[in-house]
Structures are given as C-alpha cells and as structure tokens.
Amino acid sequence: MTMLEFKYQISNQCVILIKKGDITSESTDAIVNAANSRLIGGGGVDGAIRSKAGRTIELECEKIRKTIGECKTGNAVITSGGNLSAKFVIHAVGPVWKGGNQNEPELLRKAYRHSLEIAIKKQINSISFPSISTGIYGYPVELASEEAINEVVCFLQQFNKPKLVKFVLFDDKTFANYQSSLSKRCAVATLK
C-alpha cells in the first residue's frame, strides 16, 4: 500500500479503500459518476468518464431520459461502461450545496445509498466512488466526506456487500478529508 492509499476492513467480507487517482482507470465492476439530473454530459468527473467511455453512455442515458425524464437529486441509474475497464457506470445525482439548510446531507447520503442498492441488485462486487457534489456543486469536502463515509460504512455493516468499496479521489485535500473521516468513523466503530 502506498502513502496515498488507506484501507479499512469493515467486516470479514467488506473493505473500504481510499486512494488518490483517476476514477476512469479503475477496473472495479462499477464506477460511480457524479452526474447531473438531466443525465447529459458535464464537466469534472462526468466529463472525464464520458470522454473515456465513448458514445455508449450517452446513448444509454438518452434511453433512460426518454423513460424516466430526469434523475432526481439523491437518485441513481446504471449504464454499461462503454470503453472503460469497469463494466458498469452508476450515475448518481448529488445535491448542489446551498448552505446546508436545503436537505443537502440527506440527499447526498441517498445518492451513495441508491448507488450501493443498484450495485447489490446487479450483483456488483466492487465499486469505485468519486467525491460526489464537491466539485462544481460546491459541497464542502470536509462535510461531504463524513456523510459519504458514514453512509457507506452503515450500508456495508447492514448488507455485507459489495465486497470492495473504493473512494478514488482526484486531489490531496479530498484524499486527506476522506482518510480523516474514515479514521474517525472506524475509531468510533472500534470503541463500540
């Protein structure tokens, strides 16, 4: 394990791994896209994923839009991975930060939870998340990391799957915040 990788065993069956890297290069069964509610191409993680995946994702998202309209904040949908190493892309819509008084924490937790529920339904054993909503949506990373880690740990403790959950983070600040949040959460869990 390198300095920019942090691993915690949640149970005999589940591991959370935090690393600095490029989510588009992950070979987990699925990667999560920080998508917008219209499921159309954007910047940041979404732009990078779509660029590397090729046209497949856009075509599949177009079919989803015709079926359900937009994907509401806190929800997620799944497509194939196109040209990515990952077989699937789960498109999760996180909240835009508006100061924390517009239900943002609950909506962020729902985006992670719905992604994990889709993973179980599709029998996905490994999944990689970015830091949802902390880019252009402006969610403070120190708060978002706590919500993300708490939701994922609780989910894994409840369902014992997927076996591997990665947080693949683009920069040092985000990596440090997720590492700190996981350390705090796991220290509390160890004390119980």
N, C-alpha and C. Protein backbone atom coordinates (compact mmCIF):
# COMPACT_ATOMS: atom_id res chain seq x y z
N MET A 1 0.83 -1.18 0.00
CA MET A 1 0.00 0.00 0.00
C MET A 1 0.88 1.25 0.00
N THR A 2 0.56 2.24 -0.83
CA THR A 2 1.32 3.47 -0.90
C THR A 2 0.81 4.47 0.12
N MET A 3 1.52 5.62 0.23
CA MET A 3 1.08 6.69 1.12
C MET A 3 -0.30 7.21 0.73
N LEU A 4 -0.64 7.14 -0.53
CA LEU A 4 -1.90 7.70 -0.98
C LEU A 4 -2.97 6.63 -1.15
N GLU A 5 -2.94 5.68 -0.23
CA GLU A 5 -3.95 4.63 -0.19
C GLU A 5 -4.20 4.29 1.27
N PHE A 6 -5.46 4.16 1.64
CA PHE A 6 -5.83 3.89 3.02
C PHE A 6 -6.94 2.83 2.99
N LYS A 7 -6.76 1.77 3.75
CA LYS A 7 -7.68 0.63 3.69
C LYS A 7 -8.23 0.33 5.07
N TYR A 8 -9.53 -0.02 5.12
CA TYR A 8 -10.14 -0.43 6.38
C TYR A 8 -11.07 -1.61 6.14
N GLN A 9 -10.91 -2.65 6.95
CA GLN A 9 -11.75 -3.84 6.88
C GLN A 9 -13.01 -3.56 7.68
N ILE A 10 -14.16 -3.53 7.02
CA ILE A 10 -15.43 -3.24 7.69
C ILE A 10 -15.98 -4.49 8.36
N SER A 11 -15.85 -5.61 7.70
CA SER A 11 -16.28 -6.90 8.23
C SER A 11 -15.37 -7.96 7.61
N ASN A 12 -15.66 -9.22 7.89
CA ASN A 12 -14.87 -10.29 7.25
C ASN A 12 -15.03 -10.27 5.74
N GLN A 13 -16.13 -9.65 5.26
CA GLN A 13 -16.43 -9.69 3.84
C GLN A 13 -16.23 -8.36 3.11
N CYS A 14 -16.15 -7.24 3.83
CA CYS A 14 -16.17 -5.93 3.17
C CYS A 14 -14.96 -5.06 3.52
N VAL A 15 -14.45 -4.38 2.51
CA VAL A 15 -13.31 -3.48 2.67
C VAL A 15 -13.65 -2.13 2.03
N ILE A 16 -13.21 -1.06 2.69
CA ILE A 16 -13.24 0.27 2.09
C ILE A 16 -11.80 0.66 1.82
N LEU A 17 -11.55 1.14 0.62
CA LEU A 17 -10.22 1.59 0.23
C LEU A 17 -10.33 3.03 -0.26
N ILE A 18 -9.49 3.89 0.27
CA ILE A 18 -9.44 5.29 -0.16
C ILE A 18 -8.11 5.48 -0.86
N LYS A 19 -8.17 6.05 -2.06
CA LYS A 19 -6.93 6.27 -2.79
C LYS A 19 -7.00 7.55 -3.61
N LYS A 20 -5.85 8.09 -3.91
CA LYS A 20 -5.77 9.22 -4.83
C LYS A 20 -5.56 8.63 -6.22
N GLY A 21 -6.36 9.10 -7.18
CA GLY A 21 -6.21 8.57 -8.51
C GLY A 21 -7.26 9.08 -9.48
N ASP A 22 -7.31 8.41 -10.62
CA ASP A 22 -8.22 8.73 -11.71
C ASP A 22 -9.29 7.66 -11.78
N ILE A 23 -10.51 8.01 -11.46
CA ILE A 23 -11.60 7.02 -11.40
C ILE A 23 -11.85 6.36 -12.75
N THR A 24 -11.55 7.03 -13.84
CA THR A 24 -11.79 6.45 -15.16
C THR A 24 -10.87 5.26 -15.45
N SER A 25 -9.81 5.11 -14.67
CA SER A 25 -8.88 3.99 -14.86
C SER A 25 -9.18 2.80 -13.96
N GLU A 26 -10.18 2.91 -13.12
CA GLU A 26 -10.49 1.83 -12.18
C GLU A 26 -11.08 0.62 -12.89
N SER A 27 -10.69 -0.56 -12.41
CA SER A 27 -11.18 -1.80 -13.01
C SER A 27 -12.17 -2.51 -12.08
N THR A 28 -12.77 -1.78 -11.14
CA THR A 28 -13.82 -2.36 -10.32
C THR A 28 -15.00 -2.70 -11.24
N ASP A 29 -15.92 -3.50 -10.74
CA ASP A 29 -17.09 -3.88 -11.55
C ASP A 29 -17.86 -2.65 -12.02
N ALA A 30 -17.95 -1.64 -11.14
CA ALA A 30 -18.66 -0.41 -11.48
C ALA A 30 -17.90 0.80 -10.95
N ILE A 31 -18.03 1.91 -11.66
CA ILE A 31 -17.59 3.19 -11.13
C ILE A 31 -18.83 4.07 -11.05
N VAL A 32 -18.77 5.04 -10.15
CA VAL A 32 -19.90 5.95 -9.97
C VAL A 32 -19.54 7.28 -10.61
N ASN A 33 -20.49 7.80 -11.34
CA ASN A 33 -20.36 9.09 -12.00
C ASN A 33 -21.13 10.13 -11.18
N ALA A 34 -20.50 11.26 -10.89
CA ALA A 34 -21.18 12.38 -10.25
C ALA A 34 -21.95 13.10 -11.36
N ALA A 35 -23.18 12.65 -11.57
CA ALA A 35 -23.98 13.08 -12.72
C ALA A 35 -24.87 14.27 -12.38
N ASN A 36 -25.42 14.88 -13.42
CA ASN A 36 -26.44 15.90 -13.22
C ASN A 36 -27.81 15.26 -13.46
N SER A 37 -28.85 15.92 -13.01
CA SER A 37 -30.19 15.32 -13.05
C SER A 37 -30.70 15.08 -14.47
N ARG A 38 -30.18 15.81 -15.44
CA ARG A 38 -30.61 15.60 -16.82
C ARG A 38 -29.86 14.45 -17.50
N LEU A 39 -28.84 13.93 -16.82
CA LEU A 39 -28.03 12.82 -17.35
C LEU A 39 -27.39 13.16 -18.69
N ILE A 40 -27.02 14.44 -18.84
CA ILE A 40 -26.30 14.85 -20.04
C ILE A 40 -24.87 15.20 -19.64
N GLY A 41 -24.00 15.15 -20.61
CA GLY A 41 -22.58 15.38 -20.35
C GLY A 41 -22.31 16.70 -19.65
N GLY A 42 -21.38 16.66 -18.73
CA GLY A 42 -20.96 17.84 -18.00
C GLY A 42 -19.45 17.89 -17.90
N GLY A 43 -18.97 18.61 -16.92
CA GLY A 43 -17.53 18.72 -16.70
C GLY A 43 -17.09 17.79 -15.58
N GLY A 44 -15.91 18.00 -15.09
CA GLY A 44 -15.38 17.25 -13.94
C GLY A 44 -15.37 15.76 -14.18
N VAL A 45 -15.82 15.02 -13.14
CA VAL A 45 -15.84 13.55 -13.20
C VAL A 45 -16.71 13.08 -14.37
N ASP A 46 -17.89 13.69 -14.51
CA ASP A 46 -18.81 13.29 -15.58
C ASP A 46 -18.15 13.42 -16.95
N GLY A 47 -17.53 14.56 -17.20
CA GLY A 47 -16.87 14.78 -18.49
C GLY A 47 -15.75 13.79 -18.74
N ALA A 48 -14.95 13.51 -17.70
CA ALA A 48 -13.84 12.58 -17.84
C ALA A 48 -14.33 11.16 -18.13
N ILE A 49 -15.37 10.74 -17.43
CA ILE A 49 -15.92 9.39 -17.64
C ILE A 49 -16.48 9.26 -19.05
N ARG A 50 -17.28 10.23 -19.47
CA ARG A 50 -17.90 10.15 -20.79
C ARG A 50 -16.86 10.21 -21.90
N SER A 51 -15.83 11.01 -21.70
CA SER A 51 -14.78 11.12 -22.71
C SER A 51 -14.07 9.79 -22.92
N LYS A 52 -13.77 9.11 -21.82
CA LYS A 52 -13.04 7.85 -21.92
C LYS A 52 -13.95 6.67 -22.30
N ALA A 53 -15.23 6.74 -21.93
CA ALA A 53 -16.15 5.63 -22.18
C ALA A 53 -16.63 5.56 -23.62
N GLY A 54 -16.61 6.69 -24.30
CA GLY A 54 -17.13 6.71 -25.66
C GLY A 54 -18.62 7.01 -25.68
N ARG A 55 -19.22 6.87 -26.82
CA ARG A 55 -20.61 7.29 -27.06
C ARG A 55 -21.66 6.39 -26.38
N THR A 56 -21.29 5.20 -25.99
CA THR A 56 -22.24 4.24 -25.41
C THR A 56 -23.04 4.83 -24.26
N ILE A 57 -22.35 5.49 -23.34
CA ILE A 57 -23.02 6.03 -22.16
C ILE A 57 -24.06 7.07 -22.56
N GLU A 58 -23.70 7.95 -23.48
CA GLU A 58 -24.66 8.98 -23.90
C GLU A 58 -25.90 8.35 -24.52
N LEU A 59 -25.73 7.33 -25.33
CA LEU A 59 -26.88 6.66 -25.95
C LEU A 59 -27.76 5.98 -24.91
N GLU A 60 -27.15 5.33 -23.93
CA GLU A 60 -27.93 4.68 -22.88
C GLU A 60 -28.62 5.70 -21.98
N CYS A 61 -27.94 6.80 -21.68
CA CYS A 61 -28.57 7.87 -20.88
C CYS A 61 -29.75 8.49 -21.62
N GLU A 62 -29.62 8.59 -22.93
CA GLU A 62 -30.72 9.12 -23.75
C GLU A 62 -31.96 8.23 -23.62
N LYS A 63 -31.77 6.91 -23.64
CA LYS A 63 -32.88 5.98 -23.46
C LYS A 63 -33.50 6.13 -22.07
N ILE A 64 -32.65 6.29 -21.07
CA ILE A 64 -33.15 6.46 -19.69
C ILE A 64 -33.96 7.75 -19.59
N ARG A 65 -33.46 8.83 -20.19
CA ARG A 65 -34.20 10.11 -20.16
C ARG A 65 -35.57 9.96 -20.81
N LYS A 66 -35.65 9.21 -21.90
CA LYS A 66 -36.94 9.01 -22.57
C LYS A 66 -37.89 8.21 -21.70
N THR A 67 -37.36 7.35 -20.85
CA THR A 67 -38.18 6.50 -19.99
C THR A 67 -38.62 7.22 -18.71
N ILE A 68 -37.66 7.84 -18.01
CA ILE A 68 -37.97 8.41 -16.69
C ILE A 68 -37.90 9.94 -16.63
N GLY A 69 -37.49 10.56 -17.72
CA GLY A 69 -37.26 12.01 -17.66
C GLY A 69 -35.93 12.25 -17.00
N GLU A 70 -35.91 13.10 -16.01
CA GLU A 70 -34.63 13.34 -15.34
C GLU A 70 -34.48 12.43 -14.11
N CYS A 71 -33.25 12.32 -13.65
CA CYS A 71 -32.93 11.54 -12.46
C CYS A 71 -32.88 12.53 -11.29
N LYS A 72 -33.79 12.39 -10.37
CA LYS A 72 -33.90 13.36 -9.28
C LYS A 72 -32.67 13.33 -8.37
N THR A 73 -32.39 14.45 -7.74
CA THR A 73 -31.28 14.55 -6.79
C THR A 73 -31.44 13.50 -5.70
N GLY A 74 -30.35 12.78 -5.43
CA GLY A 74 -30.35 11.71 -4.45
C GLY A 74 -30.58 10.34 -5.06
N ASN A 75 -30.93 10.28 -6.33
CA ASN A 75 -31.18 9.01 -7.01
C ASN A 75 -30.01 8.64 -7.91
N ALA A 76 -30.09 7.45 -8.49
CA ALA A 76 -29.02 6.96 -9.36
C ALA A 76 -29.61 6.01 -10.40
N VAL A 77 -28.93 5.91 -11.52
CA VAL A 77 -29.28 4.96 -12.60
C VAL A 77 -27.99 4.30 -13.07
N ILE A 78 -28.14 3.23 -13.83
CA ILE A 78 -26.95 2.48 -14.28
C ILE A 78 -26.93 2.34 -15.80
N THR A 79 -25.71 2.41 -16.35
CA THR A 79 -25.47 2.13 -17.76
C THR A 79 -24.28 1.17 -17.84
N SER A 80 -24.00 0.72 -19.04
CA SER A 80 -22.78 -0.06 -19.24
C SER A 80 -21.59 0.89 -19.15
N GLY A 81 -20.39 0.33 -19.15
CA GLY A 81 -19.18 1.13 -19.02
C GLY A 81 -18.55 1.56 -20.33
N GLY A 82 -19.12 1.15 -21.45
CA GLY A 82 -18.55 1.54 -22.73
C GLY A 82 -17.10 1.08 -22.84
N ASN A 83 -16.20 2.00 -23.15
CA ASN A 83 -14.78 1.67 -23.33
C ASN A 83 -13.98 1.66 -22.03
N LEU A 84 -14.63 1.86 -20.90
CA LEU A 84 -13.94 1.85 -19.61
C LEU A 84 -13.57 0.43 -19.19
N SER A 85 -12.65 0.31 -18.25
CA SER A 85 -12.33 -1.01 -17.68
C SER A 85 -13.50 -1.53 -16.85
N ALA A 86 -14.22 -0.63 -16.20
CA ALA A 86 -15.39 -1.01 -15.40
C ALA A 86 -16.52 -1.45 -16.33
N LYS A 87 -17.23 -2.48 -15.92
CA LYS A 87 -18.33 -3.00 -16.74
C LYS A 87 -19.54 -2.06 -16.72
N PHE A 88 -19.74 -1.39 -15.58
CA PHE A 88 -20.90 -0.52 -15.40
C PHE A 88 -20.50 0.87 -14.93
N VAL A 89 -21.37 1.84 -15.21
CA VAL A 89 -21.27 3.17 -14.62
C VAL A 89 -22.60 3.46 -13.95
N ILE A 90 -22.54 3.77 -12.67
CA ILE A 90 -23.73 4.17 -11.92
C ILE A 90 -23.71 5.70 -11.85
N HIS A 91 -24.75 6.32 -12.36
CA HIS A 91 -24.83 7.79 -12.43
C HIS A 91 -25.64 8.27 -11.23
N ALA A 92 -24.95 8.86 -10.26
CA ALA A 92 -25.59 9.32 -9.02
C ALA A 92 -25.68 10.84 -9.04
N VAL A 93 -26.84 11.36 -8.69
CA VAL A 93 -27.06 12.81 -8.70
C VAL A 93 -27.01 13.32 -7.26
N GLY A 94 -25.92 14.03 -6.95
CA GLY A 94 -25.79 14.62 -5.63
C GLY A 94 -26.39 16.02 -5.61
N PRO A 95 -26.51 16.59 -4.42
CA PRO A 95 -27.11 17.92 -4.28
C PRO A 95 -26.13 19.05 -4.56
N VAL A 96 -26.67 20.16 -5.00
CA VAL A 96 -25.91 21.41 -5.07
C VAL A 96 -25.91 21.99 -3.65
N TRP A 97 -24.75 22.41 -3.18
CA TRP A 97 -24.64 22.98 -1.83
C TRP A 97 -25.27 24.37 -1.80
N LYS A 98 -26.21 24.55 -0.87
CA LYS A 98 -26.89 25.84 -0.71
C LYS A 98 -26.81 26.31 0.74
N GLY A 99 -25.73 25.92 1.42
CA GLY A 99 -25.53 26.33 2.79
C GLY A 99 -25.87 25.28 3.83
N GLY A 100 -26.43 24.15 3.39
CA GLY A 100 -26.71 23.05 4.31
C GLY A 100 -28.12 23.01 4.85
N ASN A 101 -28.94 23.98 4.49
CA ASN A 101 -30.30 24.04 5.03
C ASN A 101 -31.37 23.59 4.04
N GLN A 102 -30.95 23.01 2.91
CA GLN A 102 -31.89 22.56 1.88
C GLN A 102 -31.86 21.04 1.73
N ASN A 103 -31.67 20.35 2.86
CA ASN A 103 -31.68 18.89 2.86
C ASN A 103 -30.47 18.26 2.16
N GLU A 104 -29.40 19.03 1.99
CA GLU A 104 -28.24 18.53 1.26
C GLU A 104 -27.63 17.27 1.88
N PRO A 105 -27.44 17.20 3.22
CA PRO A 105 -26.83 15.98 3.77
C PRO A 105 -27.64 14.72 3.47
N GLU A 106 -28.97 14.80 3.63
CA GLU A 106 -29.80 13.63 3.36
C GLU A 106 -29.76 13.25 1.89
N LEU A 107 -29.79 14.24 1.00
CA LEU A 107 -29.75 13.96 -0.44
C LEU A 107 -28.41 13.35 -0.84
N LEU A 108 -27.32 13.81 -0.24
CA LEU A 108 -26.01 13.24 -0.54
C LEU A 108 -25.95 11.78 -0.07
N ARG A 109 -26.42 11.52 1.14
CA ARG A 109 -26.44 10.14 1.65
C ARG A 109 -27.27 9.24 0.73
N LYS A 110 -28.41 9.75 0.26
CA LYS A 110 -29.26 8.97 -0.64
C LYS A 110 -28.55 8.63 -1.95
N ALA A 111 -27.76 9.57 -2.48
CA ALA A 111 -27.04 9.30 -3.72
C ALA A 111 -26.08 8.12 -3.55
N TYR A 112 -25.37 8.09 -2.41
CA TYR A 112 -24.48 6.96 -2.14
C TYR A 112 -25.28 5.68 -1.91
N ARG A 113 -26.35 5.77 -1.12
CA ARG A 113 -27.14 4.58 -0.80
C ARG A 113 -27.80 3.99 -2.06
N HIS A 114 -28.38 4.84 -2.88
CA HIS A 114 -29.02 4.32 -4.10
C HIS A 114 -27.98 3.67 -5.03
N SER A 115 -26.79 4.22 -5.07
CA SER A 115 -25.72 3.61 -5.88
C SER A 115 -25.39 2.22 -5.37
N LEU A 116 -25.29 2.08 -4.06
CA LEU A 116 -24.98 0.78 -3.46
C LEU A 116 -26.13 -0.21 -3.63
N GLU A 117 -27.36 0.28 -3.55
CA GLU A 117 -28.52 -0.59 -3.77
C GLU A 117 -28.53 -1.13 -5.21
N ILE A 118 -28.20 -0.27 -6.16
CA ILE A 118 -28.10 -0.72 -7.55
C ILE A 118 -27.00 -1.77 -7.68
N ALA A 119 -25.89 -1.54 -7.01
CA ALA A 119 -24.77 -2.49 -7.06
C ALA A 119 -25.21 -3.88 -6.57
N ILE A 120 -25.92 -3.92 -5.47
CA ILE A 120 -26.39 -5.21 -4.95
C ILE A 120 -27.37 -5.86 -5.94
N LYS A 121 -28.29 -5.07 -6.46
CA LYS A 121 -29.28 -5.59 -7.39
C LYS A 121 -28.61 -6.19 -8.63
N LYS A 122 -27.52 -5.58 -9.09
CA LYS A 122 -26.81 -6.05 -10.29
C LYS A 122 -25.69 -7.03 -9.96
N GLN A 123 -25.59 -7.44 -8.70
CA GLN A 123 -24.56 -8.37 -8.22
C GLN A 123 -23.15 -7.86 -8.49
N ILE A 124 -22.97 -6.58 -8.26
CA ILE A 124 -21.67 -5.93 -8.41
C ILE A 124 -20.90 -6.12 -7.11
N ASN A 125 -19.70 -6.69 -7.21
CA ASN A 125 -18.90 -6.98 -6.02
C ASN A 125 -17.90 -5.89 -5.66
N SER A 126 -17.59 -5.00 -6.62
CA SER A 126 -16.64 -3.92 -6.34
C SER A 126 -17.11 -2.65 -7.04
N ILE A 127 -16.98 -1.53 -6.33
CA ILE A 127 -17.49 -0.26 -6.83
C ILE A 127 -16.54 0.86 -6.42
N SER A 128 -16.35 1.81 -7.31
CA SER A 128 -15.49 2.97 -7.03
C SER A 128 -16.32 4.25 -7.10
N PHE A 129 -16.21 5.05 -6.03
CA PHE A 129 -16.91 6.33 -5.94
C PHE A 129 -15.94 7.50 -6.09
N PRO A 130 -16.39 8.59 -6.71
CA PRO A 130 -15.67 9.86 -6.59
C PRO A 130 -16.23 10.57 -5.35
N SER A 131 -15.81 11.78 -5.13
CA SER A 131 -16.39 12.60 -4.07
C SER A 131 -17.58 13.35 -4.68
N ILE A 132 -18.76 12.79 -4.52
CA ILE A 132 -19.97 13.34 -5.14
C ILE A 132 -20.29 14.72 -4.57
N SER A 133 -20.60 15.65 -5.45
CA SER A 133 -21.08 17.01 -5.14
C SER A 133 -20.02 18.00 -4.67
N THR A 134 -18.75 17.59 -4.57
CA THR A 134 -17.75 18.51 -4.03
C THR A 134 -17.02 19.32 -5.10
N GLY A 135 -17.33 19.09 -6.35
CA GLY A 135 -16.74 19.89 -7.43
C GLY A 135 -17.56 21.13 -7.68
N ILE A 136 -18.10 21.23 -8.87
CA ILE A 136 -18.87 22.41 -9.27
C ILE A 136 -20.13 22.60 -8.40
N TYR A 137 -20.64 21.53 -7.77
CA TYR A 137 -21.82 21.64 -6.91
C TYR A 137 -21.50 22.27 -5.56
N GLY A 138 -20.23 22.43 -5.24
CA GLY A 138 -19.80 23.24 -4.11
C GLY A 138 -19.99 22.69 -2.71
N TYR A 139 -20.29 21.41 -2.58
CA TYR A 139 -20.46 20.82 -1.24
C TYR A 139 -19.09 20.80 -0.56
N PRO A 140 -18.95 21.36 0.64
CA PRO A 140 -17.65 21.36 1.32
C PRO A 140 -17.15 19.93 1.53
N VAL A 141 -15.94 19.65 1.08
CA VAL A 141 -15.42 18.29 1.11
C VAL A 141 -15.32 17.73 2.52
N GLU A 142 -15.02 18.58 3.50
CA GLU A 142 -14.91 18.08 4.88
C GLU A 142 -16.25 17.57 5.40
N LEU A 143 -17.35 18.17 4.94
CA LEU A 143 -18.69 17.70 5.33
C LEU A 143 -19.14 16.53 4.46
N ALA A 144 -18.89 16.63 3.17
CA ALA A 144 -19.30 15.57 2.24
C ALA A 144 -18.60 14.25 2.56
N SER A 145 -17.33 14.31 2.93
CA SER A 145 -16.60 13.08 3.22
C SER A 145 -17.19 12.36 4.43
N GLU A 146 -17.63 13.11 5.43
CA GLU A 146 -18.24 12.47 6.60
C GLU A 146 -19.56 11.81 6.24
N GLU A 147 -20.39 12.49 5.45
CA GLU A 147 -21.66 11.90 5.04
C GLU A 147 -21.44 10.65 4.20
N ALA A 148 -20.50 10.73 3.26
CA ALA A 148 -20.23 9.60 2.37
C ALA A 148 -19.71 8.39 3.15
N ILE A 149 -18.73 8.61 3.98
CA ILE A 149 -18.14 7.51 4.75
C ILE A 149 -19.18 6.89 5.69
N ASN A 150 -19.92 7.73 6.42
CA ASN A 150 -20.92 7.19 7.35
C ASN A 150 -21.97 6.36 6.62
N GLU A 151 -22.44 6.85 5.49
CA GLU A 151 -23.47 6.12 4.74
C GLU A 151 -22.94 4.79 4.22
N VAL A 152 -21.74 4.79 3.66
CA VAL A 152 -21.17 3.56 3.10
C VAL A 152 -20.87 2.55 4.21
N VAL A 153 -20.28 2.99 5.31
CA VAL A 153 -19.98 2.07 6.41
C VAL A 153 -21.27 1.44 6.94
N CYS A 154 -22.29 2.26 7.18
CA CYS A 154 -23.58 1.72 7.67
C CYS A 154 -24.17 0.72 6.69
N PHE A 155 -24.11 1.02 5.41
CA PHE A 155 -24.65 0.13 4.39
C PHE A 155 -23.91 -1.20 4.40
N LEU A 156 -22.59 -1.15 4.43
CA LEU A 156 -21.80 -2.39 4.42
C LEU A 156 -22.03 -3.21 5.68
N GLN A 157 -22.17 -2.54 6.81
CA GLN A 157 -22.45 -3.27 8.05
C GLN A 157 -23.82 -3.94 8.01
N GLN A 158 -24.77 -3.31 7.33
CA GLN A 158 -26.11 -3.86 7.24
C GLN A 158 -26.21 -5.01 6.23
N PHE A 159 -25.59 -4.86 5.07
CA PHE A 159 -25.80 -5.81 3.97
C PHE A 159 -24.59 -6.71 3.67
N ASN A 160 -23.42 -6.38 4.18
CA ASN A 160 -22.20 -7.16 3.93
C ASN A 160 -21.85 -7.28 2.45
N LYS A 161 -22.20 -6.31 1.66
CA LYS A 161 -21.81 -6.21 0.26
C LYS A 161 -22.07 -4.81 -0.24
N PRO A 162 -21.41 -4.42 -1.29
CA PRO A 162 -20.38 -5.11 -2.07
C PRO A 162 -19.11 -5.38 -1.25
N LYS A 163 -18.31 -6.30 -1.74
CA LYS A 163 -17.10 -6.71 -1.01
C LYS A 163 -16.04 -5.61 -0.95
N LEU A 164 -15.93 -4.82 -2.01
CA LEU A 164 -14.93 -3.75 -2.07
C LEU A 164 -15.60 -2.44 -2.49
N VAL A 165 -15.43 -1.43 -1.65
CA VAL A 165 -15.87 -0.07 -1.99
C VAL A 165 -14.63 0.82 -1.97
N LYS A 166 -14.37 1.45 -3.11
CA LYS A 166 -13.25 2.38 -3.21
C LYS A 166 -13.77 3.80 -3.30
N PHE A 167 -13.03 4.71 -2.70
CA PHE A 167 -13.22 6.13 -2.96
C PHE A 167 -11.96 6.55 -3.71
N VAL A 168 -12.12 6.91 -4.96
CA VAL A 168 -11.00 7.29 -5.81
C VAL A 168 -11.05 8.81 -5.96
N LEU A 169 -10.08 9.48 -5.36
CA LEU A 169 -10.14 10.93 -5.18
C LEU A 169 -9.04 11.63 -5.96
N PHE A 170 -9.41 12.74 -6.52
CA PHE A 170 -8.56 13.42 -7.50
C PHE A 170 -7.40 14.21 -6.91
N ASP A 171 -7.57 14.79 -5.73
CA ASP A 171 -6.51 15.66 -5.19
C ASP A 171 -6.19 15.34 -3.73
N ASP A 172 -5.08 15.92 -3.26
CA ASP A 172 -4.58 15.65 -1.90
C ASP A 172 -5.57 16.07 -0.82
N LYS A 173 -6.19 17.24 -0.99
CA LYS A 173 -7.13 17.75 0.03
C LYS A 173 -8.32 16.80 0.19
N THR A 174 -8.89 16.36 -0.92
CA THR A 174 -10.04 15.47 -0.86
C THR A 174 -9.62 14.13 -0.26
N PHE A 175 -8.49 13.61 -0.69
CA PHE A 175 -7.98 12.35 -0.13
C PHE A 175 -7.80 12.47 1.39
N ALA A 176 -7.20 13.56 1.86
CA ALA A 176 -6.95 13.77 3.29
C ALA A 176 -8.26 13.83 4.08
N ASN A 177 -9.26 14.49 3.52
CA ASN A 177 -10.56 14.58 4.21
C ASN A 177 -11.24 13.22 4.30
N TYR A 178 -11.22 12.44 3.24
CA TYR A 178 -11.84 11.12 3.28
C TYR A 178 -11.07 10.19 4.21
N GLN A 179 -9.76 10.27 4.20
CA GLN A 179 -8.96 9.45 5.10
C GLN A 179 -9.28 9.80 6.55
N SER A 180 -9.37 11.08 6.85
CA SER A 180 -9.69 11.53 8.21
C SER A 180 -11.09 11.07 8.62
N SER A 181 -12.06 11.21 7.73
CA SER A 181 -13.44 10.79 8.04
C SER A 181 -13.53 9.29 8.27
N LEU A 182 -12.81 8.50 7.47
CA LEU A 182 -12.84 7.06 7.66
C LEU A 182 -12.14 6.67 8.96
N SER A 183 -11.03 7.33 9.27
CA SER A 183 -10.31 7.05 10.52
C SER A 183 -11.20 7.33 11.73
N LYS A 184 -11.88 8.49 11.69
CA LYS A 184 -12.78 8.85 12.80
C LYS A 184 -13.94 7.87 12.92
N ARG A 185 -14.55 7.54 11.79
CA ARG A 185 -15.71 6.64 11.81
C ARG A 185 -15.33 5.26 12.30
N CYS A 186 -14.19 4.78 11.87
CA CYS A 186 -13.76 3.43 12.25
C CYS A 186 -13.27 3.39 13.69
N ALA A 187 -12.72 4.49 14.18
CA ALA A 187 -12.31 4.56 15.59
C ALA A 187 -13.55 4.48 16.48
N VAL A 188 -14.61 5.16 16.10
CA VAL A 188 -15.86 5.11 16.84
C VAL A 188 -16.45 3.69 16.80
N ALA A 189 -16.42 3.07 15.61
CA ALA A 189 -16.96 1.71 15.47
C ALA A 189 -16.17 0.72 16.30
N THR A 190 -14.85 0.91 16.41
CA THR A 190 -14.00 0.01 17.19
C THR A 190 -14.30 0.13 18.67
N LEU A 191 -14.66 1.33 19.13
CA LEU A 191 -14.95 1.54 20.55
C LEU A 191 -16.27 0.91 20.98
N LYS A 192 -17.18 0.67 20.06
CA LYS A 192 -18.49 0.13 20.42
C LYS A 192 -18.43 -1.33 20.75
